[in-house]
Amino acid sequence: MGHRPKINRTFHDVLTEAIQDIAEHGYDDPGRLQEWLRRLRFAAMADIPTDSELRSRMQQAMDAVFHRTLSKTSTLRYHPGVPRFTIERISPSLRPELDRRVRASVDLIKLNRDRAIEQSLQRLAGWVSSVPAGGSRVVERAEIKEQIAKPIRQIKYEERRVSIDQGHKLVSSINAVIAEQTQAIAMMWRSHWRQSGYDYRPDHKERDKLFYALRGSWAMQQGLINKGAGYLDEITQPAEEPFCRCYGVYVNNLRDLPPEMLTEKGKRALEETRIRKP
């Protein structure tokens, strides 16, 4: 090959040099392509955050979600029937959920990053193989560079998407643990389908404001409630599917359920509770 590129060149810089070199010489030597692929891989890896930086960034993002989810405002939204002191007692046991989401975020971002780099290198190799030996004067360099670099440029965007999606999954898993430990009896599904621009799933829209019973709850065991719209474990959970932003509002008391979800025994029990109140 001709000149060697300067040290510390960005992926964009090295790609510009590669396209110029191939346009001038064409696909005349497999070694030429392999050398450019090597340089581009090195430049791409140098452009993106290190594993340590990525882990630190995801830890910071998930920490913020964790503390926001356990705030007084959020717990009142997701668990209106649970006292604040109970949430504070449970909070330390929720740390493993946070750690799992950080690991999942880092692993997924690394997979997406590696795939993006490979896609860009494959695009370069595909283009190089089409350039005749001796080069070509009709190469649309800007267009070629745009097509080859597109997967690399999307890495930061994909990182943000993963962070947001994993944040929603963290919220959902934290709330599921709280529901289990506070003996919730049902969950009301909430969808953001009314939000402008939100790409909601039609079946999730249909679930909006429906109540699903938690199988094996004390209320179910005592025959006080029916399963409502169904058992919660029979459907996908809020935020389980990719980029789902649905959430659940958990119910701990009979009085917070729709009347049609109470059995006759449940209605009598609720009425007796109301009569006993001073």
Protein backbone atom coordinates (compact mmCIF):
# COMPACT_ATOMS: atom_id res chain seq x y z
CA MET A 1 0.00 0.00 0.00
CA GLY A 2 0.99 3.64 -0.24
CA HIS A 3 1.24 6.14 2.62
CA ARG A 4 0.55 5.07 6.19
CA PRO A 5 -2.14 7.09 8.00
CA LYS A 6 -1.32 9.25 10.96
CA ILE A 7 -1.67 7.87 14.47
CA ASN A 8 -4.92 8.49 16.41
CA ARG A 9 -7.07 8.93 13.34
CA THR A 10 -10.84 8.64 13.85
CA PHE A 11 -12.95 6.07 12.06
CA HIS A 12 -14.21 8.84 9.77
CA ASP A 13 -10.64 9.87 8.91
CA VAL A 14 -9.45 6.33 8.22
CA LEU A 15 -12.55 5.54 6.16
CA THR A 16 -11.94 8.65 4.04
CA GLU A 17 -8.37 7.48 3.39
CA ALA A 18 -9.51 3.93 2.62
CA ILE A 19 -12.08 5.05 0.05
CA GLN A 20 -9.56 7.36 -1.59
CA ASP A 21 -6.96 4.59 -1.76
CA ILE A 22 -9.37 2.00 -3.17
CA ALA A 23 -10.81 4.48 -5.68
CA GLU A 24 -7.27 5.09 -6.96
CA HIS A 25 -6.03 1.48 -7.03
CA GLY A 26 -9.15 -0.67 -7.13
CA TYR A 27 -9.40 -4.22 -5.85
CA ASP A 28 -5.94 -5.24 -7.01
CA ASP A 29 -4.69 -7.04 -3.90
CA PRO A 30 -6.61 -8.85 -1.11
CA GLY A 31 -3.91 -7.66 1.27
CA ARG A 32 -4.88 -4.04 0.58
CA LEU A 33 -8.46 -4.71 1.73
CA GLN A 34 -7.36 -6.66 4.81
CA GLU A 35 -5.04 -3.86 5.89
CA TRP A 36 -7.80 -1.26 5.61
CA LEU A 37 -10.20 -3.52 7.50
CA ARG A 38 -7.62 -3.86 10.27
CA ARG A 39 -7.05 -0.10 10.48
CA LEU A 40 -10.77 0.65 10.44
CA ARG A 41 -11.52 -1.88 13.18
CA PHE A 42 -8.81 -0.34 15.34
CA ALA A 43 -10.09 3.19 14.68
CA ALA A 44 -13.69 2.18 15.42
CA MET A 45 -12.73 0.60 18.74
CA ALA A 46 -10.72 3.69 19.65
CA ASP A 47 -13.71 5.95 18.90
CA ILE A 48 -16.17 4.22 21.22
CA PRO A 49 -16.18 4.15 25.05
CA THR A 50 -14.10 1.51 26.82
CA ASP A 51 -15.89 -1.28 28.68
CA SER A 52 -15.09 0.49 31.95
CA GLU A 53 -16.52 3.79 30.71
CA LEU A 54 -19.61 2.05 29.39
CA ARG A 55 -20.19 0.21 32.67
CA SER A 56 -19.80 3.45 34.63
CA ARG A 57 -22.26 5.24 32.35
CA MET A 58 -24.86 2.48 32.64
CA GLN A 59 -24.41 2.28 36.41
CA GLN A 60 -25.08 6.00 36.67
CA ALA A 61 -28.15 5.79 34.41
CA MET A 62 -29.64 2.78 36.22
CA ASP A 63 -28.89 4.27 39.65
CA ALA A 64 -30.97 7.29 38.67
CA VAL A 65 -33.86 5.06 37.56
CA PHE A 66 -33.57 2.97 40.73
CA HIS A 67 -33.80 5.94 43.09
CA ARG A 68 -36.55 7.60 41.05
CA THR A 69 -38.63 4.40 41.12
CA LEU A 70 -38.33 4.18 44.90
CA SER A 71 -39.17 7.84 45.46
CA LYS A 72 -42.32 8.71 47.37
CA THR A 73 -44.00 10.03 44.23
CA SER A 74 -43.31 6.89 42.18
CA THR A 75 -44.24 4.37 44.85
CA LEU A 76 -47.54 6.17 45.40
CA ARG A 77 -48.15 5.84 41.68
CA TYR A 78 -47.26 2.14 41.39
CA HIS A 79 -48.21 0.91 44.89
CA PRO A 80 -50.85 3.29 46.29
CA GLY A 81 -51.85 0.82 49.02
CA VAL A 82 -48.37 0.31 50.49
CA PRO A 83 -47.10 2.48 53.38
CA ARG A 84 -43.87 4.40 52.89
CA PHE A 85 -42.08 2.66 55.75
CA THR A 86 -42.72 -0.70 54.06
CA ILE A 87 -41.09 0.53 50.84
CA GLU A 88 -38.07 1.72 52.83
CA ARG A 89 -37.80 -1.66 54.56
CA ILE A 90 -37.88 -3.51 51.23
CA SER A 91 -35.51 -1.19 49.35
CA PRO A 92 -32.19 -2.89 50.28
CA SER A 93 -33.43 -6.22 48.89
CA LEU A 94 -33.98 -4.59 45.49
CA ARG A 95 -30.30 -3.89 44.79
CA PRO A 96 -29.81 -7.21 42.93
CA GLU A 97 -32.42 -6.06 40.39
CA LEU A 98 -30.34 -2.93 39.78
CA ASP A 99 -27.13 -4.94 39.36
CA ARG A 100 -28.81 -7.29 36.88
CA ARG A 101 -30.02 -4.40 34.74
CA VAL A 102 -26.58 -2.78 34.66
CA ARG A 103 -25.04 -6.06 33.48
CA ALA A 104 -27.79 -6.60 30.91
CA SER A 105 -27.37 -3.06 29.56
CA VAL A 106 -23.61 -3.35 29.20
CA ASP A 107 -23.79 -6.78 27.55
CA LEU A 108 -26.47 -5.70 25.08
CA ILE A 109 -24.70 -2.47 24.15
CA LYS A 110 -21.45 -4.35 23.57
CA LEU A 111 -23.23 -6.82 21.31
CA ASN A 112 -24.86 -3.99 19.35
CA ARG A 113 -21.54 -2.17 19.13
CA ASP A 114 -19.66 -5.21 17.83
CA ARG A 115 -22.41 -5.90 15.30
CA ALA A 116 -22.32 -2.29 14.07
CA ILE A 117 -18.57 -2.42 13.53
CA GLU A 118 -18.85 -5.70 11.63
CA GLN A 119 -21.66 -4.30 9.48
CA SER A 120 -19.57 -1.28 8.50
CA LEU A 121 -16.56 -3.44 7.68
CA GLN A 122 -18.72 -5.81 5.64
CA ARG A 123 -20.12 -2.86 3.70
CA LEU A 124 -16.60 -1.66 2.94
CA ALA A 125 -15.52 -5.13 1.81
CA GLY A 126 -18.59 -5.43 -0.40
CA TRP A 127 -17.88 -2.08 -2.04
CA VAL A 128 -14.15 -2.75 -2.49
CA SER A 129 -14.84 -6.01 -4.32
CA SER A 130 -16.87 -4.05 -6.89
CA VAL A 131 -14.09 -1.58 -7.78
CA PRO A 132 -12.01 -2.83 -10.75
CA ALA A 133 -8.24 -3.17 -10.52
CA GLY A 134 -6.65 0.12 -11.46
CA GLY A 135 -9.32 2.14 -9.66
CA SER A 136 -12.33 4.13 -10.80
CA ARG A 137 -12.96 7.81 -11.45
CA VAL A 138 -16.71 7.54 -11.02
CA VAL A 139 -16.79 6.58 -7.35
CA GLU A 140 -19.36 8.62 -5.38
CA ARG A 141 -17.08 8.94 -2.38
CA ALA A 142 -19.42 10.90 -0.11
CA GLU A 143 -22.30 8.51 -0.76
CA ILE A 144 -20.13 5.43 -0.26
CA LYS A 145 -18.72 6.81 2.98
CA GLU A 146 -22.24 7.60 4.22
CA GLN A 147 -23.45 4.05 3.56
CA ILE A 148 -20.42 2.38 5.12
CA ALA A 149 -20.30 4.55 8.24
CA LYS A 150 -24.04 4.48 9.02
CA PRO A 151 -23.96 1.51 11.45
CA ILE A 152 -21.04 3.09 13.35
CA ARG A 153 -22.80 6.44 13.61
CA GLN A 154 -25.85 4.75 15.12
CA ILE A 155 -23.91 3.24 18.03
CA LYS A 156 -24.59 6.18 20.37
CA TYR A 157 -28.25 6.22 19.38
CA GLU A 158 -28.57 2.49 20.03
CA GLU A 159 -26.82 2.93 23.38
CA ARG A 160 -29.43 5.49 24.42
CA ARG A 161 -32.24 3.19 23.27
CA VAL A 162 -30.86 0.30 25.28
CA SER A 163 -30.42 2.49 28.35
CA ILE A 164 -34.02 3.74 28.14
CA ASP A 165 -35.45 0.27 27.51
CA GLN A 166 -33.46 -1.34 30.31
CA GLY A 167 -34.55 1.49 32.58
CA HIS A 168 -38.20 0.61 31.91
CA LYS A 169 -37.42 -3.05 32.57
CA LEU A 170 -35.75 -2.11 35.86
CA VAL A 171 -38.84 -0.17 36.94
CA SER A 172 -41.05 -3.15 36.09
CA SER A 173 -38.88 -5.70 37.90
CA ILE A 174 -38.58 -3.52 41.01
CA ASN A 175 -42.33 -3.08 41.14
CA ALA A 176 -42.91 -6.81 40.68
CA VAL A 177 -40.66 -7.57 43.66
CA ILE A 178 -42.40 -4.94 45.80
CA ALA A 179 -45.78 -6.39 44.80
CA GLU A 180 -44.68 -9.88 45.80
CA GLN A 181 -43.24 -8.79 49.15
CA THR A 182 -46.28 -6.66 50.04
CA GLN A 183 -48.78 -9.38 49.07
CA ALA A 184 -50.46 -7.51 46.24
CA ILE A 185 -53.58 -9.21 44.91
CA ALA A 186 -53.92 -7.68 41.45
CA MET A 187 -52.38 -5.29 38.95
CA MET A 188 -54.03 -2.70 36.73
CA TRP A 189 -52.30 -2.42 33.35
CA ARG A 190 -51.48 1.06 32.11
CA SER A 191 -50.49 1.87 28.52
CA HIS A 192 -49.17 5.11 27.02
CA TRP A 193 -51.19 4.53 23.84
CA ARG A 194 -52.72 8.02 24.07
CA GLN A 195 -49.30 9.66 23.97
CA SER A 196 -48.62 11.28 20.61
CA GLY A 197 -45.91 9.50 18.63
CA TYR A 198 -45.72 6.45 20.90
CA ASP A 199 -45.54 3.23 18.88
CA TYR A 200 -47.82 1.20 21.13
CA ARG A 201 -48.71 -2.46 20.69
CA PRO A 202 -52.43 -2.91 19.91
CA ASP A 203 -52.83 -5.72 22.45
CA HIS A 204 -51.25 -3.53 25.13
CA LYS A 205 -53.73 -0.78 24.32
CA GLU A 206 -56.53 -3.30 24.83
CA ARG A 207 -55.12 -4.14 28.28
CA ASP A 208 -55.17 -0.51 29.42
CA LYS A 209 -57.00 -0.14 32.77
CA LEU A 210 -57.80 -3.86 32.95
CA PHE A 211 -57.15 -5.68 36.23
CA TYR A 212 -55.18 -8.93 36.33
CA ALA A 213 -55.11 -11.19 39.38
CA LEU A 214 -51.88 -12.37 40.99
CA ARG A 215 -52.18 -16.12 41.14
CA GLY A 216 -52.03 -17.59 44.64
CA SER A 217 -52.63 -14.30 46.47
CA TRP A 218 -54.30 -14.35 49.89
CA ALA A 219 -57.48 -12.93 48.36
CA MET A 220 -57.55 -15.65 45.72
CA GLN A 221 -56.86 -18.40 48.25
CA GLN A 222 -59.73 -17.18 50.42
CA GLY A 223 -62.10 -17.07 47.46
CA LEU A 224 -62.62 -13.31 47.71
CA ILE A 225 -61.78 -12.41 44.11
CA ASN A 226 -61.94 -13.84 40.62
CA LYS A 227 -59.15 -13.52 38.06
CA GLY A 228 -60.54 -10.36 36.47
CA ALA A 229 -59.17 -9.94 32.94
CA GLY A 230 -56.92 -12.95 33.58
CA TYR A 231 -53.97 -14.07 35.63
CA LEU A 232 -50.97 -11.78 35.44
CA ASP A 233 -48.59 -14.68 34.84
CA GLU A 234 -50.49 -15.60 31.66
CA ILE A 235 -49.52 -12.42 29.77
CA THR A 236 -46.28 -10.61 29.00
CA GLN A 237 -45.34 -8.26 31.80
CA PRO A 238 -45.07 -4.45 31.55
CA ALA A 239 -41.82 -3.48 29.78
CA GLU A 240 -41.01 -7.14 29.08
CA GLU A 241 -41.22 -6.77 25.31
CA PRO A 242 -38.62 -4.60 23.53
CA PHE A 243 -39.20 -0.87 24.07
CA CYS A 244 -42.52 -1.40 25.83
CA ARG A 245 -43.23 1.50 28.21
CA CYS A 246 -46.33 0.11 29.87
CA TYR A 247 -46.46 -0.09 33.65
CA GLY A 248 -48.61 -1.64 36.33
CA VAL A 249 -50.47 -0.18 39.29
CA TYR A 250 -50.61 -2.83 42.01
CA VAL A 251 -53.59 -3.39 44.29
CA ASN A 252 -53.30 -4.64 47.87
CA ASN A 253 -56.85 -4.09 49.13
CA LEU A 254 -60.27 -5.37 48.10
CA ARG A 255 -61.70 -1.86 48.13
CA ASP A 256 -59.40 -0.82 45.28
CA LEU A 257 -60.65 -3.51 42.89
CA PRO A 258 -63.53 -3.05 40.43
CA PRO A 259 -66.76 -4.53 41.87
CA GLU A 260 -66.97 -7.16 39.14
CA MET A 261 -63.69 -8.69 40.33
CA LEU A 262 -65.08 -9.46 43.78
CA THR A 263 -66.87 -12.73 44.46
CA GLU A 264 -69.98 -12.73 46.63
CA LYS A 265 -67.77 -13.72 49.52
CA GLY A 266 -65.42 -10.87 48.68
CA LYS A 267 -68.26 -8.35 48.58
CA ARG A 268 -69.48 -9.50 52.00
CA ALA A 269 -65.95 -9.29 53.42
CA LEU A 270 -65.54 -5.77 52.07
CA GLU A 271 -68.90 -4.69 53.46
CA GLU A 272 -68.05 -6.13 56.89
CA THR A 273 -64.79 -4.20 56.86
CA ARG A 274 -66.63 -0.97 56.10
CA ILE A 275 -69.18 -1.62 58.88
CA ARG A 276 -66.42 -2.23 61.43
CA LYS A 277 -64.79 1.12 60.64
CA PRO A 278 -65.64 3.79 63.28
